[in-house]
Amino acid sequence: NEKVAIRDAERAAAESHIGRLRAGRPESIESSSLHLDVIRD
């Protein structure tokens, strides 16, 4: 069941990250690829 929960958590983290990119936060823009790669791994 945790596998399903992790899949949902990954989706929520990606959406939150995209929201920060839209808000124009410089740290989020600079580390965008790194952030998504860490979550993916």
Full PDB file with SEQRES, HELIX, SHEET, SSBOND, CRYST1, ORIGX, SCALE, CONECT and MASTER records, all heavy atoms in Angstrom:
SEQRES   1 A   41  ASN GLU LYS VAL ALA ILE ARG ASP ALA GLU ARG ALA ALA          
SEQRES   2 A   41  ALA GLU SER HIS ILE GLY ARG LEU ARG ALA GLY ARG PRO          
SEQRES   3 A   41  GLU SER ILE GLU SER SER SER LEU HIS LEU ASP VAL ILE          
SEQRES   4 A   41  ARG ASP                                                      
HELIX    1 AA1 GLU A    2  ARG A   22  1                                  21    
HELIX    2 AA2 PRO A   26  GLU A   30  1                                   5    
HELIX    3 AA3 SER A   32  ARG A   40  1                                   9    
CRYST1    1.000    1.000    1.000  90.00  90.00  90.00 P 1           1          
ORIGX1      1.000000  0.000000  0.000000        0.00000                         
ORIGX2      0.000000  1.000000  0.000000        0.00000                         
ORIGX3      0.000000  0.000000  1.000000        0.00000                         
SCALE1      1.000000  0.000000  0.000000        0.00000                         
SCALE2      0.000000  1.000000  0.000000        0.00000                         
SCALE3      0.000000  0.000000  1.000000        0.00000                         
ATOM      1  N   ASN A   1       0.830  -1.211   0.000  1.00  0.00           N  
ATOM      2  CA  ASN A   1       0.000   0.000   0.000  1.00  0.00           C  
ATOM      3  C   ASN A   1       0.863   1.258   0.000  1.00  0.00           C  
ATOM      4  O   ASN A   1       0.491   2.287  -0.570  1.00  0.00           O  
ATOM      5  CB  ASN A   1      -0.924   0.004   1.224  1.00  0.00           C  
ATOM      6  CG  ASN A   1      -2.057  -0.999   1.091  1.00  0.00           C  
ATOM      7  OD1 ASN A   1      -2.473  -1.320  -0.026  1.00  0.00           O  
ATOM      8  ND2 ASN A   1      -2.545  -1.500   2.223  1.00  0.00           N  
ATOM      9  N   GLU A   2       2.034   1.164   0.636  1.00  0.00           N  
ATOM     10  CA  GLU A   2       2.952   2.303   0.661  1.00  0.00           C  
ATOM     11  C   GLU A   2       3.474   2.633  -0.742  1.00  0.00           C  
ATOM     12  O   GLU A   2       3.830   3.778  -1.014  1.00  0.00           O  
ATOM     13  CB  GLU A   2       4.121   2.019   1.609  1.00  0.00           C  
ATOM     14  CG  GLU A   2       3.825   2.262   3.065  1.00  0.00           C  
ATOM     15  CD  GLU A   2       3.536   3.738   3.328  1.00  0.00           C  
ATOM     16  OE1 GLU A   2       4.290   4.591   2.837  1.00  0.00           O  
ATOM     17  OE2 GLU A   2       2.542   4.031   4.014  1.00  0.00           O  
ATOM     18  N   LYS A   3       3.530   1.613  -1.595  1.00  0.00           N  
ATOM     19  CA  LYS A   3       3.987   1.875  -2.960  1.00  0.00           C  
ATOM     20  C   LYS A   3       3.020   2.826  -3.668  1.00  0.00           C  
ATOM     21  O   LYS A   3       3.433   3.740  -4.392  1.00  0.00           O  
ATOM     22  CB  LYS A   3       4.122   0.568  -3.744  1.00  0.00           C  
ATOM     23  CG  LYS A   3       4.726   0.742  -5.129  1.00  0.00           C  
ATOM     24  CD  LYS A   3       4.980  -0.587  -5.807  1.00  0.00           C  
ATOM     25  CE  LYS A   3       5.657  -0.380  -7.154  1.00  0.00           C  
ATOM     26  NZ  LYS A   3       5.945  -1.667  -7.847  1.00  0.00           N  
ATOM     27  N   VAL A   4       1.737   2.606  -3.458  1.00  0.00           N  
ATOM     28  CA  VAL A   4       0.721   3.490  -4.041  1.00  0.00           C  
ATOM     29  C   VAL A   4       0.839   4.879  -3.423  1.00  0.00           C  
ATOM     30  O   VAL A   4       0.764   5.907  -4.121  1.00  0.00           O  
ATOM     31  CB  VAL A   4      -0.693   2.912  -3.807  1.00  0.00           C  
ATOM     32  CG1 VAL A   4      -1.753   3.868  -4.364  1.00  0.00           C  
ATOM     33  CG2 VAL A   4      -0.809   1.539  -4.444  1.00  0.00           C  
ATOM     34  N   ALA A   5       1.059   4.924  -2.105  1.00  0.00           N  
ATOM     35  CA  ALA A   5       1.171   6.214  -1.420  1.00  0.00           C  
ATOM     36  C   ALA A   5       2.392   6.997  -1.908  1.00  0.00           C  
ATOM     37  O   ALA A   5       2.339   8.227  -2.060  1.00  0.00           O  
ATOM     38  CB  ALA A   5       1.258   5.981   0.092  1.00  0.00           C  
ATOM     39  N   ILE A   6       3.490   6.284  -2.159  1.00  0.00           N  
ATOM     40  CA  ILE A   6       4.697   6.948  -2.662  1.00  0.00           C  
ATOM     41  C   ILE A   6       4.457   7.509  -4.066  1.00  0.00           C  
ATOM     42  O   ILE A   6       4.922   8.616  -4.410  1.00  0.00           O  
ATOM     43  CB  ILE A   6       5.887   5.965  -2.667  1.00  0.00           C  
ATOM     44  CG1 ILE A   6       6.409   5.780  -1.241  1.00  0.00           C  
ATOM     45  CG2 ILE A   6       6.997   6.435  -3.571  1.00  0.00           C  
ATOM     46  CD1 ILE A   6       7.129   6.993  -0.671  1.00  0.00           C  
ATOM     47  N   ARG A   7       3.710   6.772  -4.868  1.00  0.00           N  
ATOM     48  CA  ARG A   7       3.396   7.257  -6.219  1.00  0.00           C  
ATOM     49  C   ARG A   7       2.580   8.545  -6.142  1.00  0.00           C  
ATOM     50  O   ARG A   7       2.833   9.509  -6.881  1.00  0.00           O  
ATOM     51  CB  ARG A   7       2.641   6.176  -6.995  1.00  0.00           C  
ATOM     52  CG  ARG A   7       2.456   6.500  -8.464  1.00  0.00           C  
ATOM     53  CD  ARG A   7       1.991   5.305  -9.264  1.00  0.00           C  
ATOM     54  NE  ARG A   7       0.719   4.778  -8.793  1.00  0.00           N  
ATOM     55  CZ  ARG A   7       0.543   3.561  -8.280  1.00  0.00           C  
ATOM     56  NH1 ARG A   7       1.572   2.752  -8.150  1.00  0.00           N  
ATOM     57  NH2 ARG A   7      -0.653   3.145  -7.879  1.00  0.00           N  
ATOM     58  N   ASP A   8       1.622   8.573  -5.225  1.00  0.00           N  
ATOM     59  CA  ASP A   8       0.825   9.785  -5.044  1.00  0.00           C  
ATOM     60  C   ASP A   8       1.682  10.929  -4.487  1.00  0.00           C  
ATOM     61  O   ASP A   8       1.526  12.090  -4.890  1.00  0.00           O  
ATOM     62  CB  ASP A   8      -0.345   9.504  -4.093  1.00  0.00           C  
ATOM     63  CG  ASP A   8      -1.348   8.518  -4.690  1.00  0.00           C  
ATOM     64  OD1 ASP A   8      -1.351   8.368  -5.937  1.00  0.00           O  
ATOM     65  OD2 ASP A   8      -2.100   7.891  -3.906  1.00  0.00           O  
ATOM     66  N   ALA A   9       2.587  10.595  -3.570  1.00  0.00           N  
ATOM     67  CA  ALA A   9       3.457  11.620  -2.994  1.00  0.00           C  
ATOM     68  C   ALA A   9       4.390  12.207  -4.044  1.00  0.00           C  
ATOM     69  O   ALA A   9       4.683  13.410  -4.029  1.00  0.00           O  
ATOM     70  CB  ALA A   9       4.263  11.021  -1.840  1.00  0.00           C  
ATOM     71  N   GLU A  10       4.853  11.357  -4.954  1.00  0.00           N  
ATOM     72  CA  GLU A  10       5.719  11.866  -6.035  1.00  0.00           C  
ATOM     73  C   GLU A  10       4.956  12.854  -6.917  1.00  0.00           C  
ATOM     74  O   GLU A  10       5.467  13.917  -7.297  1.00  0.00           O  
ATOM     75  CB  GLU A  10       6.244  10.700  -6.876  1.00  0.00           C  
ATOM     76  CG  GLU A  10       7.164  11.152  -7.999  1.00  0.00           C  
ATOM     77  CD  GLU A  10       7.233  10.166  -9.153  1.00  0.00           C  
ATOM     78  OE1 GLU A  10       6.307   9.340  -9.282  1.00  0.00           O  
ATOM     79  OE2 GLU A  10       8.194  10.236  -9.932  1.00  0.00           O  
ATOM     80  N   ARG A  11       3.715  12.495  -7.233  1.00  0.00           N  
ATOM     81  CA  ARG A  11       2.896  13.370  -8.069  1.00  0.00           C  
ATOM     82  C   ARG A  11       2.638  14.714  -7.358  1.00  0.00           C  
ATOM     83  O   ARG A  11       2.757  15.791  -7.961  1.00  0.00           O  
ATOM     84  CB  ARG A  11       1.572  12.687  -8.400  1.00  0.00           C  
ATOM     85  CG  ARG A  11       0.709  13.458  -9.398  1.00  0.00           C  
ATOM     86  CD  ARG A  11      -0.610  12.762  -9.670  1.00  0.00           C  
ATOM     87  NE  ARG A  11      -0.406  11.409 -10.178  1.00  0.00           N  
ATOM     88  CZ  ARG A  11      -0.730  10.299  -9.507  1.00  0.00           C  
ATOM     89  NH1 ARG A  11      -1.238  10.389  -8.293  1.00  0.00           N  
ATOM     90  NH2 ARG A  11      -0.528   9.110 -10.045  1.00  0.00           N  
ATOM     91  N   ALA A  12       2.345  14.651  -6.062  1.00  0.00           N  
ATOM     92  CA  ALA A  12       2.089  15.876  -5.301  1.00  0.00           C  
ATOM     93  C   ALA A  12       3.347  16.737  -5.209  1.00  0.00           C  
ATOM     94  O   ALA A  12       3.284  17.973  -5.326  1.00  0.00           O  
ATOM     95  CB  ALA A  12       1.593  15.517  -3.900  1.00  0.00           C  
ATOM     96  N   ALA A  13       4.519  16.089  -5.034  1.00  0.00           N  
ATOM     97  CA  ALA A  13       5.776  16.840  -4.952  1.00  0.00           C  
ATOM     98  C   ALA A  13       6.087  17.525  -6.269  1.00  0.00           C  
ATOM     99  O   ALA A  13       6.551  18.684  -6.297  1.00  0.00           O  
ATOM    100  CB  ALA A  13       6.919  15.900  -4.553  1.00  0.00           C  
ATOM    101  N   ALA A  14       5.822  16.826  -7.386  1.00  0.00           N  
ATOM    102  CA  ALA A  14       6.062  17.419  -8.699  1.00  0.00           C  
ATOM    103  C   ALA A  14       5.157  18.621  -8.930  1.00  0.00           C  
ATOM    104  O   ALA A  14       5.589  19.671  -9.446  1.00  0.00           O  
ATOM    105  CB  ALA A  14       5.852  16.366  -9.791  1.00  0.00           C  
ATOM    106  N   GLU A  15       3.882  18.499  -8.530  1.00  0.00           N  
ATOM    107  CA  GLU A  15       2.954  19.614  -8.710  1.00  0.00           C  
ATOM    108  C   GLU A  15       3.365  20.813  -7.837  1.00  0.00           C  
ATOM    109  O   GLU A  15       3.296  21.968  -8.285  1.00  0.00           O  
ATOM    110  CB  GLU A  15       1.538  19.151  -8.353  1.00  0.00           C  
ATOM    111  CG  GLU A  15       0.962  18.156  -9.358  1.00  0.00           C  
ATOM    112  CD  GLU A  15      -0.366  17.580  -8.905  1.00  0.00           C  
ATOM    113  OE1 GLU A  15      -0.775  17.873  -7.741  1.00  0.00           O  
ATOM    114  OE2 GLU A  15      -0.990  16.809  -9.682  1.00  0.00           O  
ATOM    115  N   SER A  16       3.801  20.548  -6.609  1.00  0.00           N  
ATOM    116  CA  SER A  16       4.253  21.643  -5.728  1.00  0.00           C  
ATOM    117  C   SER A  16       5.479  22.327  -6.317  1.00  0.00           C  
ATOM    118  O   SER A  16       5.601  23.568  -6.280  1.00  0.00           O  
ATOM    119  CB  SER A  16       4.576  21.098  -4.336  1.00  0.00           C  
ATOM    120  OG  SER A  16       3.425  20.564  -3.723  1.00  0.00           O  
ATOM    121  N   HIS A  17       6.378  21.518  -6.871  1.00  0.00           N  
ATOM    122  CA  HIS A  17       7.591  22.082  -7.463  1.00  0.00           C  
ATOM    123  C   HIS A  17       7.252  22.968  -8.664  1.00  0.00           C  
ATOM    124  O   HIS A  17       7.804  24.070  -8.831  1.00  0.00           O  
ATOM    125  CB  HIS A  17       8.531  20.956  -7.873  1.00  0.00           C  
ATOM    126  CG  HIS A  17       9.812  21.442  -8.488  1.00  0.00           C  
ATOM    127  ND1 HIS A  17      10.781  22.136  -7.785  1.00  0.00           N  
ATOM    128  CD2 HIS A  17      10.272  21.359  -9.774  1.00  0.00           C  
ATOM    129  CE1 HIS A  17      11.783  22.434  -8.586  1.00  0.00           C  
ATOM    130  NE2 HIS A  17      11.488  21.986  -9.797  1.00  0.00           N  
ATOM    131  N   ILE A  18       6.328  22.495  -9.498  1.00  0.00           N  
ATOM    132  CA  ILE A  18       5.910  23.297 -10.658  1.00  0.00           C  
ATOM    133  C   ILE A  18       5.255  24.602 -10.194  1.00  0.00           C  
ATOM    134  O   ILE A  18       5.443  25.669 -10.788  1.00  0.00           O  
ATOM    135  CB  ILE A  18       4.947  22.473 -11.543  1.00  0.00           C  
ATOM    136  CG1 ILE A  18       5.719  21.312 -12.193  1.00  0.00           C  
ATOM    137  CG2 ILE A  18       4.313  23.352 -12.614  1.00  0.00           C  
ATOM    138  CD1 ILE A  18       4.839  20.331 -12.936  1.00  0.00           C  
ATOM    139  N   GLY A  19       4.510  24.524  -9.100  1.00  0.00           N  
ATOM    140  CA  GLY A  19       3.901  25.735  -8.555  1.00  0.00           C  
ATOM    141  C   GLY A  19       4.964  26.743  -8.131  1.00  0.00           C  
ATOM    142  O   GLY A  19       4.810  27.965  -8.356  1.00  0.00           O  
ATOM    143  N   ARG A  20       6.052  26.270  -7.529  1.00  0.00           N  
ATOM    144  CA  ARG A  20       7.126  27.190  -7.127  1.00  0.00           C  
ATOM    145  C   ARG A  20       7.840  27.777  -8.346  1.00  0.00           C  
ATOM    146  O   ARG A  20       8.278  28.927  -8.333  1.00  0.00           O  
ATOM    147  CB  ARG A  20       8.128  26.460  -6.213  1.00  0.00           C  
ATOM    148  CG  ARG A  20       7.575  26.160  -4.821  1.00  0.00           C  
ATOM    149  CD  ARG A  20       8.667  25.674  -3.877  1.00  0.00           C  
ATOM    150  NE  ARG A  20       9.223  24.387  -4.310  1.00  0.00           N  
ATOM    151  CZ  ARG A  20       8.696  23.203  -3.974  1.00  0.00           C  
ATOM    152  NH1 ARG A  20       7.602  23.163  -3.224  1.00  0.00           N  
ATOM    153  NH2 ARG A  20       9.246  22.098  -4.380  1.00  0.00           N  
ATOM    154  N   LEU A  21       7.939  26.965  -9.414  1.00  0.00           N  
ATOM    155  CA  LEU A  21       8.551  27.485 -10.650  1.00  0.00           C  
ATOM    156  C   LEU A  21       7.681  28.605 -11.232  1.00  0.00           C  
ATOM    157  O   LEU A  21       8.196  29.629 -11.708  1.00  0.00           O  
ATOM    158  CB  LEU A  21       8.724  26.353 -11.668  1.00  0.00           C  
ATOM    159  CG  LEU A  21       9.773  25.277 -11.349  1.00  0.00           C  
ATOM    160  CD1 LEU A  21       9.767  24.203 -12.432  1.00  0.00           C  
ATOM    161  CD2 LEU A  21      11.166  25.893 -11.232  1.00  0.00           C  
ATOM    162  N   ARG A  22       6.367  28.414 -11.200  1.00  0.00           N  
ATOM    163  CA  ARG A  22       5.464  29.439 -11.728  1.00  0.00           C  
ATOM    164  C   ARG A  22       5.547  30.716 -10.907  1.00  0.00           C  
ATOM    165  O   ARG A  22       5.369  31.822 -11.424  1.00  0.00           O  
ATOM    166  CB  ARG A  22       4.033  28.910 -11.732  1.00  0.00           C  
ATOM    167  CG  ARG A  22       3.782  27.855 -12.807  1.00  0.00           C  
ATOM    168  CD  ARG A  22       2.402  27.247 -12.642  1.00  0.00           C  
ATOM    169  NE  ARG A  22       2.124  26.249 -13.667  1.00  0.00           N  
ATOM    170  CZ  ARG A  22       1.111  25.390 -13.620  1.00  0.00           C  
ATOM    171  NH1 ARG A  22       0.290  25.417 -12.555  1.00  0.00           N  
ATOM    172  NH2 ARG A  22       0.922  24.523 -14.582  1.00  0.00           N  
ATOM    173  N   ALA A  23       5.825  30.523  -9.609  1.00  0.00           N  
ATOM    174  CA  ALA A  23       5.936  31.708  -8.751  1.00  0.00           C  
ATOM    175  C   ALA A  23       7.256  32.442  -8.964  1.00  0.00           C  
ATOM    176  O   ALA A  23       7.459  33.521  -8.404  1.00  0.00           O  
ATOM    177  CB  ALA A  23       5.811  31.287  -7.289  1.00  0.00           C  
ATOM    178  N   GLY A  24       8.162  31.848  -9.732  1.00  0.00           N  
ATOM    179  CA  GLY A  24       9.413  32.501 -10.087  1.00  0.00           C  
ATOM    180  C   GLY A  24      10.460  32.494  -8.998  1.00  0.00           C  
ATOM    181  O   GLY A  24      11.316  33.376  -8.968  1.00  0.00           O  
ATOM    182  N   ARG A  25      10.439  31.520  -8.097  1.00  0.00           N  
ATOM    183  CA  ARG A  25      11.457  31.456  -7.058  1.00  0.00           C  
ATOM    184  C   ARG A  25      12.802  31.062  -7.680  1.00  0.00           C  
ATOM    185  O   ARG A  25      12.907  30.022  -8.332  1.00  0.00           O  
ATOM    186  CB  ARG A  25      11.076  30.434  -5.996  1.00  0.00           C  
ATOM    187  CG  ARG A  25       9.816  30.822  -5.220  1.00  0.00           C  
ATOM    188  CD  ARG A  25       9.562  29.859  -4.084  1.00  0.00           C  
ATOM    189  NE  ARG A  25       8.339  30.202  -3.370  1.00  0.00           N  
ATOM    190  CZ  ARG A  25       7.873  29.527  -2.319  1.00  0.00           C  
ATOM    191  NH1 ARG A  25       8.547  28.473  -1.874  1.00  0.00           N  
ATOM    192  NH2 ARG A  25       6.757  29.908  -1.731  1.00  0.00           N  
ATOM    193  N   PRO A  26      13.846  31.841  -7.480  1.00  0.00           N  
ATOM    194  CA  PRO A  26      15.121  31.576  -8.150  1.00  0.00           C  
ATOM    195  C   PRO A  26      15.755  30.252  -7.730  1.00  0.00           C  
ATOM    196  O   PRO A  26      16.340  29.550  -8.552  1.00  0.00           O  
ATOM    197  CB  PRO A  26      16.003  32.764  -7.746  1.00  0.00           C  
ATOM    198  CG  PRO A  26      15.255  33.543  -6.730  1.00  0.00           C  
ATOM    199  CD  PRO A  26      13.845  33.093  -6.716  1.00  0.00           C  
ATOM    200  N   GLU A  27      15.669  29.889  -6.418  1.00  0.00           N  
ATOM    201  CA  GLU A  27      16.289  28.622  -5.989  1.00  0.00           C  
ATOM    202  C   GLU A  27      15.614  27.447  -6.667  1.00  0.00           C  
ATOM    203  O   GLU A  27      16.262  26.476  -7.073  1.00  0.00           O  
ATOM    204  CB  GLU A  27      16.178  28.434  -4.464  1.00  0.00           C  
ATOM    205  CG  GLU A  27      16.454  29.679  -3.635  1.00  0.00           C  
ATOM    206  CD  GLU A  27      15.153  30.360  -3.281  1.00  0.00           C  
ATOM    207  OE1 GLU A  27      14.639  31.078  -4.171  1.00  0.00           O  
ATOM    208  OE2 GLU A  27      14.650  30.169  -2.164  1.00  0.00           O  
ATOM    209  N   SER A  28      14.274  27.517  -6.809  1.00  0.00           N  
ATOM    210  CA  SER A  28      13.531  26.427  -7.440  1.00  0.00           C  
ATOM    211  C   SER A  28      13.885  26.310  -8.916  1.00  0.00           C  
ATOM    212  O   SER A  28      14.007  25.194  -9.454  1.00  0.00           O  
ATOM    213  CB  SER A  28      12.030  26.637  -7.266  1.00  0.00           C  
ATOM    214  OG  SER A  28      11.680  26.644  -5.900  1.00  0.00           O  
ATOM    215  N   ILE A  29      14.035  27.458  -9.573  1.00  0.00           N  
ATOM    216  CA  ILE A  29      14.404  27.426 -10.995  1.00  0.00           C  
ATOM    217  C   ILE A  29      15.793  26.835 -11.164  1.00  0.00           C  
ATOM    218  O   ILE A  29      16.031  25.995 -12.041  1.00  0.00           O  
ATOM    219  CB  ILE A  29      14.326  28.851 -11.590  1.00  0.00           C  
ATOM    220  CG1 ILE A  29      12.881  29.357 -11.551  1.00  0.00           C  
ATOM    221  CG2 ILE A  29      14.877  28.873 -13.001  1.00  0.00           C  
ATOM    222  CD1 ILE A  29      12.730  30.817 -11.941  1.00  0.00           C  
ATOM    223  N   GLU A  30      16.746  27.247 -10.307  1.00  0.00           N  
ATOM    224  CA  GLU A  30      18.134  26.783 -10.420  1.00  0.00           C  
ATOM    225  C   GLU A  30      18.255  25.280 -10.167  1.00  0.00           C  
ATOM    226  O   GLU A  30      19.016  24.585 -10.841  1.00  0.00           O  
ATOM    227  CB  GLU A  30      19.002  27.551  -9.417  1.00  0.00           C  
ATOM    228  CG  GLU A  30      20.474  27.161  -9.468  1.00  0.00           C  
ATOM    229  CD  GLU A  30      21.270  27.839  -8.364  1.00  0.00           C  
ATOM    230  OE1 GLU A  30      20.711  28.033  -7.265  1.00  0.00           O  
ATOM    231  OE2 GLU A  30      22.437  28.176  -8.604  1.00  0.00           O  
ATOM    232  N   SER A  31      17.506  24.751  -9.194  1.00  0.00           N  
ATOM    233  CA  SER A  31      17.651  23.338  -8.799  1.00  0.00           C  
ATOM    234  C   SER A  31      16.502  22.475  -9.305  1.00  0.00           C  
ATOM    235  O   SER A  31      16.289  21.379  -8.790  1.00  0.00           O  
ATOM    236  CB  SER A  31      17.718  23.243  -7.269  1.00  0.00           C  
ATOM    237  OG  SER A  31      16.519  23.721  -6.685  1.00  0.00           O  
ATOM    238  N   SER A  32      15.780  22.950 -10.311  1.00  0.00           N  
ATOM    239  CA  SER A  32      14.587  22.235 -10.772  1.00  0.00           C  
ATOM    240  C   SER A  32      14.892  20.803 -11.193  1.00  0.00           C  
ATOM    241  O   SER A  32      14.289  19.842 -10.719  1.00  0.00           O  
ATOM    242  CB  SER A  32      13.939  22.990 -11.929  1.00  0.00           C  
ATOM    243  OG  SER A  32      12.865  22.255 -12.448  1.00  0.00           O  
ATOM    244  N   SER A  33      15.859  20.659 -12.095  1.00  0.00           N  
ATOM    245  CA  SER A  33      16.204  19.324 -12.586  1.00  0.00           C  
ATOM    246  C   SER A  33      16.716  18.441 -11.450  1.00  0.00           C  
ATOM    247  O   SER A  33      16.357  17.262 -11.344  1.00  0.00           O  
ATOM    248  CB  SER A  33      17.264  19.444 -13.681  1.00  0.00           C  
ATOM    249  OG  SER A  33      17.703  18.179 -14.088  1.00  0.00           O  
ATOM    250  N   LEU A  34      17.541  19.017 -10.580  1.00  0.00           N  
ATOM    251  CA  LEU A  34      18.097  18.264  -9.457  1.00  0.00           C  
ATOM    252  C   LEU A  34      16.992  17.782  -8.520  1.00  0.00           C  
ATOM    253  O   LEU A  34      16.986  16.625  -8.073  1.00  0.00           O  
ATOM    254  CB  LEU A  34      19.073  19.168  -8.695  1.00  0.00           C  
ATOM    255  CG  LEU A  34      19.946  18.504  -7.627  1.00  0.00           C  
ATOM    256  CD1 LEU A  34      20.925  17.546  -8.259  1.00  0.00           C  
ATOM    257  CD2 LEU A  34      20.688  19.579  -6.833  1.00  0.00           C  
ATOM    258  N   HIS A  35      16.047  18.654  -8.235  1.00  0.00           N  
ATOM    259  CA  HIS A  35      14.933  18.322  -7.342  1.00  0.00           C  
ATOM    260  C   HIS A  35      14.142  17.125  -7.890  1.00  0.00           C  
ATOM    261  O   HIS A  35      13.896  16.146  -7.180  1.00  0.00           O  
ATOM    262  CB  HIS A  35      14.024  19.552  -7.209  1.00  0.00           C  
ATOM    263  CG  HIS A  35      12.855  19.337  -6.300  1.00  0.00           C  
ATOM    264  ND1 HIS A  35      12.789  19.865  -5.034  1.00  0.00           N  
ATOM    265  CD2 HIS A  35      11.691  18.655  -6.485  1.00  0.00           C  
ATOM    266  CE1 HIS A  35      11.645  19.507  -4.471  1.00  0.00           C  
ATOM    267  NE2 HIS A  35      10.965  18.783  -5.345  1.00  0.00           N  
ATOM    268  N   LEU A  36      13.777  17.175  -9.151  1.00  0.00           N  
ATOM    269  CA  LEU A  36      12.971  16.109  -9.757  1.00  0.00           C  
ATOM    270  C   LEU A  36      13.754  14.800  -9.856  1.00  0.00           C  
ATOM    271  O   LEU A  36      13.193  13.712  -9.682  1.00  0.00           O  
ATOM    272  CB  LEU A  36      12.490  16.544 -11.137  1.00  0.00           C  
ATOM    273  CG  LEU A  36      11.514  17.734 -11.152  1.00  0.00           C  
ATOM    274  CD1 LEU A  36      11.195  18.145 -12.577  1.00  0.00           C  
ATOM    275  CD2 LEU A  36      10.229  17.391 -10.394  1.00  0.00           C  
ATOM    276  N   ASP A  37      15.076  14.912 -10.134  1.00  0.00           N  
ATOM    277  CA  ASP A  37      15.899  13.698 -10.238  1.00  0.00           C  
ATOM    278  C   ASP A  37      16.034  12.996  -8.888  1.00  0.00           C  
ATOM    279  O   ASP A  37      16.012  11.763  -8.815  1.00  0.00           O  
ATOM    280  CB  ASP A  37      17.291  14.046 -10.775  1.00  0.00           C  
ATOM    281  CG  ASP A  37      17.281  14.360 -12.263  1.00  0.00           C  
ATOM    282  OD1 ASP A  37      16.283  14.017 -12.928  1.00  0.00           O  
ATOM    283  OD2 ASP A  37      18.265  14.945 -12.761  1.00  0.00           O  
ATOM    284  N   VAL A  38      16.170  13.760  -7.811  1.00  0.00           N  
ATOM    285  CA  VAL A  38      16.276  13.154  -6.480  1.00  0.00           C  
ATOM    286  C   VAL A  38      14.978  12.423  -6.126  1.00  0.00           C  
ATOM    287  O   VAL A  38      15.007  11.277  -5.646  1.00  0.00           O  
ATOM    288  CB  VAL A  38      16.598  14.229  -5.413  1.00  0.00           C  
ATOM    289  CG1 VAL A  38      16.471  13.645  -4.005  1.00  0.00           C  
ATOM    290  CG2 VAL A  38      17.996  14.776  -5.624  1.00  0.00           C  
ATOM    291  N   ILE A  39      13.851  13.072  -6.373  1.00  0.00           N  
ATOM    292  CA  ILE A  39      12.558  12.435  -6.109  1.00  0.00           C  
ATOM    293  C   ILE A  39      12.405  11.161  -6.946  1.00  0.00           C  
ATOM    294  O   ILE A  39      11.957  10.123  -6.451  1.00  0.00           O  
ATOM    295  CB  ILE A  39      11.399  13.419  -6.404  1.00  0.00           C  
ATOM    296  CG1 ILE A  39      11.426  14.603  -5.420  1.00  0.00           C  
ATOM    297  CG2 ILE A  39      10.061  12.696  -6.336  1.00  0.00           C  
ATOM    298  CD1 ILE A  39      11.097  14.228  -3.996  1.00  0.00           C  
ATOM    299  N   ARG A  40      12.802  11.252  -8.216  1.00  0.00           N  
ATOM    300  CA  ARG A  40      12.693  10.084  -9.107  1.00  0.00           C  
ATOM    301  C   ARG A  40      13.541   8.924  -8.592  1.00  0.00           C  
ATOM    302  O   ARG A  40      13.086   7.761  -8.557  1.00  0.00           O  
ATOM    303  CB  ARG A  40      13.157  10.472 -10.508  1.00  0.00           C  
ATOM    304  CG  ARG A  40      13.150   9.319 -11.529  1.00  0.00           C  
ATOM    305  CD  ARG A  40      14.158   9.582 -12.626  1.00  0.00           C  
ATOM    306  NE  ARG A  40      15.520   9.660 -12.077  1.00  0.00           N  
ATOM    307  CZ  ARG A  40      16.542  10.199 -12.725  1.00  0.00           C  
ATOM    308  NH1 ARG A  40      16.371  10.738 -13.908  1.00  0.00           N  
ATOM    309  NH2 ARG A  40      17.750  10.205 -12.162  1.00  0.00           N  
ATOM    310  N   ASP A  41      14.782   9.196  -8.160  1.00  0.00           N  
ATOM    311  CA  ASP A  41      15.653   8.119  -7.679  1.00  0.00           C  
ATOM    312  C   ASP A  41      15.149   7.522  -6.375  1.00  0.00           C  
ATOM    313  O   ASP A  41      15.245   6.307  -6.153  1.00  0.00           O  
ATOM    314  CB  ASP A  41      17.086   8.641  -7.499  1.00  0.00           C  
ATOM    315  CG  ASP A  41      17.771   8.902  -8.833  1.00  0.00           C  
ATOM    316  OD1 ASP A  41      17.394   8.256  -9.826  1.00  0.00           O  
ATOM    317  OD2 ASP A  41      18.689   9.743  -8.875  1.00  0.00           O  
TER     318      ASP A  41                                                      
MASTER        0    0    0    3    0    0    0    6  317    1    0    4          
END                                                                             
